[in-house]
N, C-alpha and C. Protein backbone atom coordinates (compact mmCIF):
# COMPACT_ATOMS: atom_id res chain seq x y z
N UNK A 1 -168.08 -222.23 86.03
CA UNK A 1 -168.57 -220.97 86.64
C UNK A 1 -169.28 -220.21 85.73
N UNK A 2 -168.71 -220.05 84.63
CA UNK A 2 -169.27 -219.04 83.63
C UNK A 2 -170.52 -219.39 83.11
N UNK A 3 -170.80 -220.80 82.99
CA UNK A 3 -172.07 -221.25 82.69
C UNK A 3 -173.14 -220.92 83.80
N UNK A 4 -172.82 -220.98 85.04
CA UNK A 4 -173.59 -220.59 86.14
C UNK A 4 -174.17 -219.14 86.01
N UNK A 5 -173.06 -218.37 85.78
CA UNK A 5 -173.43 -216.96 85.67
C UNK A 5 -174.39 -216.68 84.58
N UNK A 6 -174.19 -217.42 83.44
CA UNK A 6 -175.18 -217.17 82.15
C UNK A 6 -176.48 -217.65 82.54
N UNK A 7 -176.65 -218.77 83.24
CA UNK A 7 -177.84 -219.34 83.63
C UNK A 7 -178.62 -218.34 84.58
N UNK A 8 -177.89 -217.79 85.62
CA UNK A 8 -178.50 -216.78 86.47
C UNK A 8 -178.95 -215.48 85.74
N UNK A 9 -178.15 -215.04 84.73
CA UNK A 9 -178.55 -213.97 83.81
C UNK A 9 -179.80 -214.33 83.03
N UNK A 10 -179.90 -215.57 82.40
CA UNK A 10 -181.01 -215.82 81.69
C UNK A 10 -182.29 -215.83 82.44
N UNK A 11 -182.11 -216.41 83.74
CA UNK A 11 -183.17 -216.48 84.71
C UNK A 11 -183.60 -215.28 85.18
N UNK A 12 -182.80 -214.30 85.30
CA UNK A 12 -183.08 -212.92 85.71
C UNK A 12 -183.89 -212.28 84.53
N UNK A 13 -183.31 -212.58 83.32
CA UNK A 13 -183.98 -211.98 82.29
C UNK A 13 -185.46 -212.47 82.01
N UNK A 14 -185.74 -213.80 82.35
CA UNK A 14 -187.13 -214.16 82.18
C UNK A 14 -187.82 -213.68 83.61
N UNK A 15 -187.37 -213.59 84.32
CA UNK A 15 -188.20 -213.07 85.66
C UNK A 15 -188.49 -211.53 85.41
N UNK A 16 -187.60 -210.79 84.91
CA UNK A 16 -187.83 -209.40 84.53
C UNK A 16 -188.95 -209.18 83.51
N UNK A 17 -189.05 -210.26 82.55
CA UNK A 17 -189.89 -210.12 81.44
C UNK A 17 -191.28 -210.27 82.20
N UNK A 18 -191.23 -211.38 82.91
CA UNK A 18 -192.76 -211.71 83.64
C UNK A 18 -193.28 -210.57 84.49
N UNK A 19 -192.15 -209.85 85.30
CA UNK A 19 -192.63 -208.65 85.92
C UNK A 19 -193.20 -207.39 85.15
N UNK A 20 -192.44 -207.25 84.05
CA UNK A 20 -192.80 -206.23 83.18
C UNK A 20 -194.18 -206.38 82.58
N UNK A 21 -194.44 -207.47 82.20
CA UNK A 21 -195.65 -207.72 81.44
C UNK A 21 -196.81 -208.00 82.43
N UNK A 22 -196.51 -208.44 83.64
CA UNK A 22 -197.62 -208.35 84.82
C UNK A 22 -198.11 -206.97 84.91
N UNK A 23 -196.99 -206.01 85.08
CA UNK A 23 -197.39 -204.55 85.31
C UNK A 23 -198.30 -204.17 84.17
N UNK A 24 -197.63 -204.35 82.78
CA UNK A 24 -198.52 -203.94 81.86
C UNK A 24 -200.03 -204.60 81.61
N UNK A 25 -200.14 -205.87 82.21
CA UNK A 25 -201.46 -206.34 82.23
C UNK A 25 -202.28 -205.65 83.35
N UNK A 26 -201.73 -205.33 84.42
CA UNK A 26 -202.58 -204.55 85.47
C UNK A 26 -202.81 -202.98 84.89
N UNK A 27 -202.09 -202.44 84.09
CA UNK A 27 -202.31 -201.13 83.60
C UNK A 27 -203.40 -201.23 82.29
N UNK A 28 -203.34 -202.37 81.77
CA UNK A 28 -204.35 -202.56 80.77
C UNK A 28 -205.67 -202.67 81.20
N UNK A 29 -205.69 -203.54 82.58
CA UNK A 29 -206.88 -203.81 83.20
C UNK A 29 -207.58 -202.46 83.75
N UNK A 30 -206.63 -201.58 84.23
CA UNK A 30 -207.23 -200.32 84.75
C UNK A 30 -207.65 -199.47 83.61
N UNK A 31 -207.15 -199.45 82.50
CA UNK A 31 -207.59 -198.90 81.38
C UNK A 31 -208.86 -199.40 80.81
N UNK A 32 -209.12 -200.72 80.96
CA UNK A 32 -210.11 -201.51 80.53
C UNK A 32 -211.35 -201.00 81.36
N UNK A 33 -211.11 -200.88 82.70
CA UNK A 33 -212.16 -200.46 83.58
C UNK A 33 -212.55 -198.97 83.53
N UNK A 34 -211.59 -198.09 83.23
CA UNK A 34 -211.93 -196.78 82.86
C UNK A 34 -212.79 -196.52 81.63
N UNK A 35 -212.39 -197.51 80.57
CA UNK A 35 -213.15 -197.50 79.35
C UNK A 35 -214.49 -197.87 79.44
N UNK A 36 -214.78 -199.00 80.45
CA UNK A 36 -216.06 -199.41 80.44
C UNK A 36 -216.93 -198.48 81.43
N UNK A 37 -216.33 -197.79 82.50
CA UNK A 37 -217.09 -196.75 83.19
C UNK A 37 -217.39 -195.53 82.31
N UNK A 38 -216.63 -195.06 81.53
CA UNK A 38 -216.85 -194.03 80.82
C UNK A 38 -218.05 -194.45 79.70
N UNK A 39 -217.98 -195.64 79.39
CA UNK A 39 -218.78 -196.12 78.39
C UNK A 39 -220.34 -195.93 78.86
N UNK A 40 -220.38 -196.78 80.21
CA UNK A 40 -221.61 -196.98 80.92
C UNK A 40 -222.18 -195.57 81.36
N UNK A 41 -221.34 -194.71 81.86
CA UNK A 41 -221.76 -193.37 82.43
C UNK A 41 -222.00 -192.27 81.35
N UNK A 42 -221.28 -192.45 80.25
CA UNK A 42 -221.53 -191.28 79.18
C UNK A 42 -222.17 -191.85 77.91
N UNK A 43 -221.26 -192.69 77.40
CA UNK A 43 -221.92 -193.14 75.86
C UNK A 43 -222.73 -194.11 75.91
N UNK A 44 -222.91 -195.02 76.67
CA UNK A 44 -223.83 -196.13 76.48
C UNK A 44 -223.81 -196.81 75.09
N UNK A 45 -222.68 -197.12 74.66
CA UNK A 45 -222.51 -197.78 73.30
C UNK A 45 -221.89 -199.14 73.58
N UNK A 46 -222.79 -200.14 73.14
CA UNK A 46 -222.43 -201.53 73.27
C UNK A 46 -221.35 -201.91 72.56
N UNK A 47 -221.12 -201.59 71.30
CA UNK A 47 -219.94 -201.69 70.46
C UNK A 47 -218.51 -201.57 71.22
N UNK A 48 -218.47 -200.29 71.86
CA UNK A 48 -217.25 -200.18 72.63
C UNK A 48 -216.94 -201.17 73.76
N UNK A 49 -218.11 -201.28 74.51
CA UNK A 49 -217.89 -202.49 75.46
C UNK A 49 -217.52 -203.74 74.81
N UNK A 50 -218.06 -204.22 73.91
CA UNK A 50 -217.79 -205.52 73.20
C UNK A 50 -216.38 -205.44 72.67
N UNK A 51 -215.95 -204.39 72.09
CA UNK A 51 -214.57 -204.41 71.43
C UNK A 51 -213.51 -204.39 72.48
N UNK A 52 -213.70 -203.56 73.54
CA UNK A 52 -212.61 -203.43 74.67
C UNK A 52 -212.73 -204.73 75.38
N UNK A 53 -213.79 -205.41 75.57
CA UNK A 53 -213.72 -206.49 76.26
C UNK A 53 -213.02 -207.65 75.55
N UNK A 54 -213.28 -207.66 74.22
CA UNK A 54 -212.36 -208.59 73.26
C UNK A 54 -211.02 -208.51 73.22
N UNK A 55 -210.50 -207.08 73.24
CA UNK A 55 -209.24 -206.78 73.23
C UNK A 55 -208.57 -207.11 74.58
N UNK A 56 -209.19 -206.80 75.76
CA UNK A 56 -208.57 -207.18 77.11
C UNK A 56 -208.54 -208.61 77.12
N UNK A 57 -209.56 -209.45 76.79
CA UNK A 57 -209.55 -210.95 76.84
C UNK A 57 -208.35 -211.48 76.01
N UNK A 58 -208.17 -211.06 74.68
CA UNK A 58 -207.11 -211.75 74.07
C UNK A 58 -205.84 -211.32 74.63
N UNK A 59 -205.70 -210.02 74.98
CA UNK A 59 -204.19 -209.54 75.70
C UNK A 59 -204.07 -210.49 76.86
N UNK A 60 -205.21 -210.59 77.70
CA UNK A 60 -204.71 -211.43 78.96
C UNK A 60 -204.54 -212.84 78.59
N UNK A 61 -205.20 -213.45 77.68
CA UNK A 61 -204.78 -214.77 77.39
C UNK A 61 -203.33 -214.86 76.79
N UNK A 62 -202.97 -213.98 75.95
CA UNK A 62 -201.62 -213.88 75.49
C UNK A 62 -200.47 -213.67 76.66
N UNK A 63 -200.68 -212.88 77.47
CA UNK A 63 -199.77 -212.58 78.43
C UNK A 63 -199.71 -213.59 79.44
N UNK A 64 -200.85 -214.14 79.91
CA UNK A 64 -200.76 -215.33 80.85
C UNK A 64 -200.24 -216.67 80.21
N UNK A 65 -200.46 -216.86 78.88
CA UNK A 65 -199.92 -218.17 78.46
C UNK A 65 -198.51 -217.93 78.18
N UNK A 66 -198.01 -216.74 77.96
CA UNK A 66 -196.52 -216.60 77.76
C UNK A 66 -195.85 -216.83 79.24
N UNK A 67 -196.39 -216.10 80.09
CA UNK A 67 -195.90 -216.27 81.56
C UNK A 67 -196.02 -217.74 82.09
N UNK A 68 -197.09 -218.53 81.56
CA UNK A 68 -197.05 -220.04 81.92
C UNK A 68 -195.90 -220.56 81.33
N UNK A 69 -195.66 -220.36 80.03
CA UNK A 69 -194.67 -220.91 79.18
C UNK A 69 -193.27 -220.68 79.73
N UNK A 70 -193.04 -219.40 80.16
CA UNK A 70 -191.74 -219.12 80.70
C UNK A 70 -191.45 -219.73 82.11
N UNK A 71 -192.50 -219.73 83.00
CA UNK A 71 -192.31 -220.33 84.24
C UNK A 71 -192.24 -221.95 84.16
N UNK A 72 -193.03 -222.57 83.33
CA UNK A 72 -193.17 -224.04 83.33
C UNK A 72 -192.17 -224.72 82.38
N UNK A 73 -191.79 -224.09 81.32
CA UNK A 73 -190.95 -224.74 80.32
C UNK A 73 -189.60 -224.13 80.23
N UNK A 74 -189.43 -222.66 80.31
CA UNK A 74 -188.07 -222.17 80.16
C UNK A 74 -187.30 -222.30 81.40
N UNK A 75 -187.89 -221.76 82.55
CA UNK A 75 -187.27 -221.56 83.81
C UNK A 75 -187.12 -222.97 84.40
N UNK A 76 -188.03 -223.72 84.26
CA UNK A 76 -187.95 -225.17 84.78
C UNK A 76 -186.85 -226.07 84.20
N UNK A 77 -186.57 -225.69 82.96
CA UNK A 77 -185.54 -226.43 82.27
C UNK A 77 -184.36 -225.71 81.96
N UNK A 78 -183.98 -224.58 82.76
CA UNK A 78 -182.92 -223.78 82.53
C UNK A 78 -181.43 -224.50 82.77
N UNK A 79 -181.72 -225.56 83.63
CA UNK A 79 -180.45 -226.19 84.01
C UNK A 79 -179.97 -227.13 82.71
N UNK A 80 -180.79 -227.48 81.82
CA UNK A 80 -180.50 -228.23 80.71
C UNK A 80 -180.10 -227.37 79.41
N UNK A 81 -180.09 -226.18 79.59
CA UNK A 81 -179.58 -225.27 78.53
C UNK A 81 -178.08 -225.32 78.16
N UNK A 82 -177.67 -225.62 76.99
CA UNK A 82 -176.22 -225.74 76.78
C UNK A 82 -175.65 -224.35 76.23
N UNK A 83 -174.87 -223.84 76.89
CA UNK A 83 -174.38 -222.52 76.42
C UNK A 83 -173.01 -222.63 75.60
N UNK A 84 -172.69 -223.96 75.53
CA UNK A 84 -171.39 -224.16 74.63
C UNK A 84 -171.57 -224.46 73.23
N UNK A 85 -172.83 -224.13 72.69
CA UNK A 85 -173.08 -224.46 71.29
C UNK A 85 -172.20 -223.44 70.36
N UNK A 86 -171.58 -223.91 69.40
CA UNK A 86 -170.76 -222.95 68.49
C UNK A 86 -171.42 -222.91 67.20
């Protein structure tokens, strides 16, 4: 029974991480859109657009790849985790 509680806690931790980073990704997207709008309306600087696009793209790839890994590798194999390792 103790092992089932540990598995449930681990799965809850993984799911909370996914939710937290999904929220961060949405906030980063909103900030990206604001930066692009300010740039197009006021600054008209292509370097800002290029740099912010690159940063947002790399952050998106990072977060989505980690979410994929947690869902498909960690949560899918949570039943095979051995909590009795000493």
